[in-house]
Amino acid sequence: MAVAPLVALALVTAGCTAAPGASETPAPEGTSTTDWTPPSDTETEGPTEAPALTEQSGALDAPIALSTDMVVTIDKISTTTIKPETPGEYAGSAVVVTLSVSNDSKRAQSVDSAVVSLVTDDGDIGVSTTAGPNEPLQGELAAGAKATGTYVFMLDPTQGRSVKISVNYAAGEPVATFAGQLS
């Protein structure tokens, strides 16, 4: 009986021996990082900042048609008081922005990477939060379709502040910037 496990062990370990010449290290494939050579013109610098995005501006109550045939509209702006529901959330006054993006182009466009920001004229930044009625834009927008998203920004005080709300529906695409006063 003790012989069977030893035979099985011998068979398993027999396949673990190295093949002849296996101790040699194979040469790596591709380009080596040690093969780097400096550029021919050492005074020339590569890009030092991101390319500027086209920005189109308008009032809070007017749609902005972008050069990509996307139309961004602020549907509603309200203020609220956020109450924390999970650890790490803050309480306080906030601005709730509901907006829509209409695809007037002839091809589908994604809004999954949409970025919305709020800044006051005196430099205060509305801090985006997932608390409250936050429901960001998402998905791919078919030609002729419309998507709606809601964003919540912590801001104190909120009443009577002049703000700019920037909407970039997709990375690298034009930005719609709305300006006006909160009521």
C-alpha atoms as a PDB file:
ATOM      1  CA  MET A   1       0.000   0.000   0.000  1.00  0.00           C
ATOM      2  CA  ALA A   2       2.803   2.505   0.790  1.00  0.00           C
ATOM      3  CA  VAL A   3       4.359   1.839  -2.603  1.00  0.00           C
ATOM      4  CA  ALA A   4       1.472   3.332  -4.674  1.00  0.00           C
ATOM      5  CA  PRO A   5       1.823   6.884  -3.248  1.00  0.00           C
ATOM      6  CA  LEU A   6       5.612   6.749  -3.781  1.00  0.00           C
ATOM      7  CA  VAL A   7       5.196   5.678  -7.407  1.00  0.00           C
ATOM      8  CA  ALA A   8       2.676   8.493  -7.994  1.00  0.00           C
ATOM      9  CA  LEU A   9       5.071  11.014  -6.424  1.00  0.00           C
ATOM     10  CA  ALA A  10       7.944   9.773  -8.595  1.00  0.00           C
ATOM     11  CA  LEU A  11       5.813  10.136 -11.749  1.00  0.00           C
ATOM     12  CA  VAL A  12       4.700  13.661 -10.848  1.00  0.00           C
ATOM     13  CA  THR A  13       8.190  14.928  -9.996  1.00  0.00           C
ATOM     14  CA  ALA A  14       9.753  13.260 -13.034  1.00  0.00           C
ATOM     15  CA  GLY A  15       8.073  15.857 -15.267  1.00  0.00           C
ATOM     16  CA  CYS A  16       9.618  18.689 -13.201  1.00  0.00           C
ATOM     17  CA  THR A  17      13.204  18.295 -14.335  1.00  0.00           C
ATOM     18  CA  ALA A  18      14.746  20.992 -16.469  1.00  0.00           C
ATOM     19  CA  ALA A  19      15.320  20.401 -20.146  1.00  0.00           C
ATOM     20  CA  PRO A  20      18.924  20.429 -21.359  1.00  0.00           C
ATOM     21  CA  GLY A  21      20.124  24.041 -21.886  1.00  0.00           C
ATOM     22  CA  ALA A  22      17.171  25.462 -19.914  1.00  0.00           C
ATOM     23  CA  SER A  23      19.454  27.363 -17.562  1.00  0.00           C
ATOM     24  CA  GLU A  24      20.170  29.923 -20.305  1.00  0.00           C
ATOM     25  CA  THR A  25      18.128  33.137 -20.090  1.00  0.00           C
ATOM     26  CA  PRO A  26      16.204  33.821 -23.286  1.00  0.00           C
ATOM     27  CA  ALA A  27      16.792  37.188 -24.981  1.00  0.00           C
ATOM     28  CA  PRO A  28      13.889  39.603 -24.430  1.00  0.00           C
ATOM     29  CA  GLU A  29      11.718  40.483 -27.385  1.00  0.00           C
ATOM     30  CA  GLY A  30      10.817  44.037 -28.389  1.00  0.00           C
ATOM     31  CA  THR A  31      12.571  47.295 -27.661  1.00  0.00           C
ATOM     32  CA  SER A  32      14.754  47.568 -24.623  1.00  0.00           C
ATOM     33  CA  THR A  33      14.566  50.632 -22.387  1.00  0.00           C
ATOM     34  CA  THR A  34      18.355  50.735 -22.384  1.00  0.00           C
ATOM     35  CA  ASP A  35      18.325  51.412 -26.145  1.00  0.00           C
ATOM     36  CA  TRP A  36      16.982  54.974 -25.641  1.00  0.00           C
ATOM     37  CA  THR A  37      18.654  57.709 -27.597  1.00  0.00           C
ATOM     38  CA  PRO A  38      18.053  61.425 -27.069  1.00  0.00           C
ATOM     39  CA  PRO A  39      16.166  63.387 -29.726  1.00  0.00           C
ATOM     40  CA  SER A  40      18.264  65.020 -32.447  1.00  0.00           C
ATOM     41  CA  ASP A  41      17.121  68.512 -31.339  1.00  0.00           C
ATOM     42  CA  THR A  42      17.558  68.613 -27.565  1.00  0.00           C
ATOM     43  CA  GLU A  43      16.062  72.129 -27.335  1.00  0.00           C
ATOM     44  CA  THR A  44      12.644  71.021 -28.600  1.00  0.00           C
ATOM     45  CA  GLU A  45      10.113  70.140 -25.903  1.00  0.00           C
ATOM     46  CA  GLY A  46       7.183  67.825 -26.247  1.00  0.00           C
ATOM     47  CA  PRO A  47       3.651  68.855 -25.295  1.00  0.00           C
ATOM     48  CA  THR A  48       3.632  70.744 -22.004  1.00  0.00           C
ATOM     49  CA  GLU A  49      -0.141  71.041 -21.584  1.00  0.00           C
ATOM     50  CA  ALA A  50      -3.342  69.463 -22.782  1.00  0.00           C
ATOM     51  CA  PRO A  51      -4.858  70.889 -25.960  1.00  0.00           C
ATOM     52  CA  ALA A  52      -7.475  73.561 -25.385  1.00  0.00           C
ATOM     53  CA  LEU A  53     -11.059  72.413 -25.785  1.00  0.00           C
ATOM     54  CA  THR A  54     -13.542  74.464 -27.761  1.00  0.00           C
ATOM     55  CA  GLU A  55     -15.851  76.270 -25.342  1.00  0.00           C
ATOM     56  CA  GLN A  56     -19.252  77.683 -26.208  1.00  0.00           C
ATOM     57  CA  SER A  57     -20.978  79.938 -23.691  1.00  0.00           C
ATOM     58  CA  GLY A  58     -24.557  80.895 -22.994  1.00  0.00           C
ATOM     59  CA  ALA A  59     -27.069  81.850 -20.315  1.00  0.00           C
ATOM     60  CA  LEU A  60     -28.374  79.373 -17.746  1.00  0.00           C
ATOM     61  CA  ASP A  61     -31.812  79.414 -19.378  1.00  0.00           C
ATOM     62  CA  ALA A  62     -30.746  78.860 -23.012  1.00  0.00           C
ATOM     63  CA  PRO A  63     -29.606  75.692 -24.808  1.00  0.00           C
ATOM     64  CA  ILE A  64     -26.065  75.602 -26.205  1.00  0.00           C
ATOM     65  CA  ALA A  65     -25.557  73.890 -29.575  1.00  0.00           C
ATOM     66  CA  LEU A  66     -22.027  72.514 -29.881  1.00  0.00           C
ATOM     67  CA  SER A  67     -20.024  72.046 -33.090  1.00  0.00           C
ATOM     68  CA  THR A  68     -20.476  68.259 -32.735  1.00  0.00           C
ATOM     69  CA  ASP A  69     -24.271  68.614 -33.189  1.00  0.00           C
ATOM     70  CA  MET A  70     -24.836  67.931 -29.507  1.00  0.00           C
ATOM     71  CA  VAL A  71     -27.161  70.351 -27.708  1.00  0.00           C
ATOM     72  CA  VAL A  72     -26.767  70.874 -23.954  1.00  0.00           C
ATOM     73  CA  THR A  73     -29.597  72.387 -21.903  1.00  0.00           C
ATOM     74  CA  ILE A  74     -29.872  73.209 -18.202  1.00  0.00           C
ATOM     75  CA  ASP A  75     -33.373  71.927 -17.425  1.00  0.00           C
ATOM     76  CA  LYS A  76     -33.574  72.911 -13.769  1.00  0.00           C
ATOM     77  CA  ILE A  77     -31.437  74.440 -11.032  1.00  0.00           C
ATOM     78  CA  SER A  78     -32.504  74.244  -7.420  1.00  0.00           C
ATOM     79  CA  THR A  79     -30.955  74.486  -3.999  1.00  0.00           C
ATOM     80  CA  THR A  80     -31.299  71.992  -1.202  1.00  0.00           C
ATOM     81  CA  THR A  81     -29.813  70.919   2.092  1.00  0.00           C
ATOM     82  CA  ILE A  82     -27.917  67.645   1.950  1.00  0.00           C
ATOM     83  CA  LYS A  83     -28.182  65.264   4.878  1.00  0.00           C
ATOM     84  CA  PRO A  84     -25.429  62.631   5.081  1.00  0.00           C
ATOM     85  CA  GLU A  85     -26.653  59.074   4.578  1.00  0.00           C
ATOM     86  CA  THR A  86     -23.387  57.135   4.517  1.00  0.00           C
ATOM     87  CA  PRO A  87     -20.042  57.557   6.279  1.00  0.00           C
ATOM     88  CA  GLY A  88     -17.870  60.272   4.734  1.00  0.00           C
ATOM     89  CA  GLU A  89     -20.723  62.352   3.328  1.00  0.00           C
ATOM     90  CA  TYR A  90     -21.086  65.968   4.399  1.00  0.00           C
ATOM     91  CA  ALA A  91     -24.168  67.921   5.381  1.00  0.00           C
ATOM     92  CA  GLY A  92     -24.889  71.394   4.106  1.00  0.00           C
ATOM     93  CA  SER A  93     -26.355  73.541   1.384  1.00  0.00           C
ATOM     94  CA  ALA A  94     -26.057  72.378  -2.199  1.00  0.00           C
ATOM     95  CA  VAL A  95     -27.013  73.235  -5.758  1.00  0.00           C
ATOM     96  CA  VAL A  96     -28.847  70.580  -7.777  1.00  0.00           C
ATOM     97  CA  VAL A  97     -28.394  70.866 -11.557  1.00  0.00           C
ATOM     98  CA  THR A  98     -30.537  68.808 -13.916  1.00  0.00           C
ATOM     99  CA  LEU A  99     -29.400  68.965 -17.521  1.00  0.00           C
ATOM    100  CA  SER A 100     -30.054  67.232 -20.800  1.00  0.00           C
ATOM    101  CA  VAL A 101     -27.915  66.437 -23.821  1.00  0.00           C
ATOM    102  CA  SER A 102     -29.584  65.947 -27.209  1.00  0.00           C
ATOM    103  CA  ASN A 103     -27.765  64.192 -30.026  1.00  0.00           C
ATOM    104  CA  ASP A 104     -28.656  66.041 -33.235  1.00  0.00           C
ATOM    105  CA  SER A 105     -25.809  64.342 -35.125  1.00  0.00           C
ATOM    106  CA  LYS A 106     -26.125  61.367 -37.457  1.00  0.00           C
ATOM    107  CA  ARG A 107     -24.072  58.991 -35.281  1.00  0.00           C
ATOM    108  CA  ALA A 108     -24.232  57.634 -31.740  1.00  0.00           C
ATOM    109  CA  GLN A 109     -22.213  59.511 -29.106  1.00  0.00           C
ATOM    110  CA  SER A 110     -21.220  58.389 -25.622  1.00  0.00           C
ATOM    111  CA  VAL A 111     -21.946  60.482 -22.526  1.00  0.00           C
ATOM    112  CA  ASP A 112     -20.331  57.991 -20.106  1.00  0.00           C
ATOM    113  CA  SER A 113     -17.347  60.263 -19.445  1.00  0.00           C
ATOM    114  CA  ALA A 114     -19.371  63.465 -18.987  1.00  0.00           C
ATOM    115  CA  VAL A 115     -17.873  65.976 -16.560  1.00  0.00           C
ATOM    116  CA  VAL A 116     -19.982  68.738 -15.028  1.00  0.00           C
ATOM    117  CA  SER A 117     -18.541  71.445 -12.790  1.00  0.00           C
ATOM    118  CA  LEU A 118     -19.812  74.519 -10.980  1.00  0.00           C
ATOM    119  CA  VAL A 119     -17.724  77.579 -10.057  1.00  0.00           C
ATOM    120  CA  THR A 120     -18.885  80.890  -8.605  1.00  0.00           C
ATOM    121  CA  ASP A 121     -17.762  84.220 -10.047  1.00  0.00           C
ATOM    122  CA  ASP A 122     -15.793  84.874  -6.850  1.00  0.00           C
ATOM    123  CA  GLY A 123     -13.833  81.613  -7.257  1.00  0.00           C
ATOM    124  CA  ASP A 124     -15.655  79.205  -4.933  1.00  0.00           C
ATOM    125  CA  ILE A 125     -15.879  75.702  -6.371  1.00  0.00           C
ATOM    126  CA  GLY A 126     -19.042  73.660  -6.024  1.00  0.00           C
ATOM    127  CA  VAL A 127     -17.861  70.321  -4.672  1.00  0.00           C
ATOM    128  CA  SER A 128     -19.478  67.463  -6.541  1.00  0.00           C
ATOM    129  CA  THR A 129     -21.102  64.871  -4.290  1.00  0.00           C
ATOM    130  CA  THR A 130     -22.905  61.580  -4.717  1.00  0.00           C
ATOM    131  CA  ALA A 131     -25.277  62.496  -1.881  1.00  0.00           C
ATOM    132  CA  GLY A 132     -28.787  63.633  -2.683  1.00  0.00           C
ATOM    133  CA  PRO A 133     -30.487  63.183  -6.053  1.00  0.00           C
ATOM    134  CA  ASN A 134     -27.233  62.646  -7.998  1.00  0.00           C
ATOM    135  CA  GLU A 135     -27.890  60.725 -11.265  1.00  0.00           C
ATOM    136  CA  PRO A 136     -25.128  61.484 -13.797  1.00  0.00           C
ATOM    137  CA  LEU A 137     -25.401  61.149 -17.562  1.00  0.00           C
ATOM    138  CA  GLN A 138     -24.592  57.665 -18.794  1.00  0.00           C
ATOM    139  CA  GLY A 139     -24.657  55.429 -21.810  1.00  0.00           C
ATOM    140  CA  GLU A 140     -24.462  55.874 -25.532  1.00  0.00           C
ATOM    141  CA  LEU A 141     -26.809  58.378 -27.105  1.00  0.00           C
ATOM    142  CA  ALA A 142     -28.220  57.236 -30.454  1.00  0.00           C
ATOM    143  CA  ALA A 143     -28.653  59.802 -33.216  1.00  0.00           C
ATOM    144  CA  GLY A 144     -31.739  61.880 -32.379  1.00  0.00           C
ATOM    145  CA  ALA A 145     -31.836  60.685 -28.745  1.00  0.00           C
ATOM    146  CA  LYS A 146     -31.731  62.702 -25.524  1.00  0.00           C
ATOM    147  CA  ALA A 147     -30.271  61.887 -22.088  1.00  0.00           C
ATOM    148  CA  THR A 148     -30.859  63.610 -18.755  1.00  0.00           C
ATOM    149  CA  GLY A 149     -28.551  63.772 -15.757  1.00  0.00           C
ATOM    150  CA  THR A 150     -28.668  65.354 -12.314  1.00  0.00           C
ATOM    151  CA  TYR A 151     -25.578  66.638 -10.481  1.00  0.00           C
ATOM    152  CA  VAL A 152     -25.259  67.859  -6.901  1.00  0.00           C
ATOM    153  CA  PHE A 153     -22.676  70.428  -5.795  1.00  0.00           C
ATOM    154  CA  MET A 154     -21.991  71.380  -2.178  1.00  0.00           C
ATOM    155  CA  LEU A 155     -21.865  75.190  -2.000  1.00  0.00           C
ATOM    156  CA  ASP A 156     -22.398  77.561   0.902  1.00  0.00           C
ATOM    157  CA  PRO A 157     -24.050  79.977   0.600  1.00  0.00           C
ATOM    158  CA  THR A 158     -26.124  79.198  -2.474  1.00  0.00           C
ATOM    159  CA  GLN A 159     -28.680  82.006  -2.710  1.00  0.00           C
ATOM    160  CA  GLY A 160     -28.030  84.836  -5.160  1.00  0.00           C
ATOM    161  CA  ARG A 161     -24.597  83.600  -6.275  1.00  0.00           C
ATOM    162  CA  SER A 162     -23.345  84.138  -9.832  1.00  0.00           C
ATOM    163  CA  VAL A 163     -22.150  80.813 -11.201  1.00  0.00           C
ATOM    164  CA  LYS A 164     -20.663  79.136 -14.255  1.00  0.00           C
ATOM    165  CA  ILE A 165     -21.697  75.564 -14.956  1.00  0.00           C
ATOM    166  CA  SER A 166     -19.463  73.728 -17.444  1.00  0.00           C
ATOM    167  CA  VAL A 167     -20.623  70.569 -19.202  1.00  0.00           C
ATOM    168  CA  ASN A 168     -18.184  68.394 -21.131  1.00  0.00           C
ATOM    169  CA  TYR A 169     -20.350  65.526 -22.412  1.00  0.00           C
ATOM    170  CA  ALA A 170     -17.330  63.431 -23.482  1.00  0.00           C
ATOM    171  CA  ALA A 171     -13.567  63.631 -23.051  1.00  0.00           C
ATOM    172  CA  GLY A 172     -11.918  65.754 -25.730  1.00  0.00           C
ATOM    173  CA  GLU A 173     -15.199  67.189 -27.017  1.00  0.00           C
ATOM    174  CA  PRO A 174     -16.387  70.831 -26.860  1.00  0.00           C
ATOM    175  CA  VAL A 175     -17.497  72.296 -23.522  1.00  0.00           C
ATOM    176  CA  ALA A 176     -20.812  74.086 -22.937  1.00  0.00           C
ATOM    177  CA  THR A 177     -20.459  76.799 -20.274  1.00  0.00           C
ATOM    178  CA  PHE A 178     -23.581  78.342 -18.806  1.00  0.00           C
ATOM    179  CA  ALA A 179     -23.463  81.536 -16.735  1.00  0.00           C
ATOM    180  CA  GLY A 180     -26.072  83.190 -14.557  1.00  0.00           C
ATOM    181  CA  GLN A 181     -27.303  83.816 -11.063  1.00  0.00           C
ATOM    182  CA  LEU A 182     -28.796  81.317  -8.634  1.00  0.00           C
ATOM    183  CA  SER A 183     -32.165  82.351  -7.240  1.00  0.00           C
END
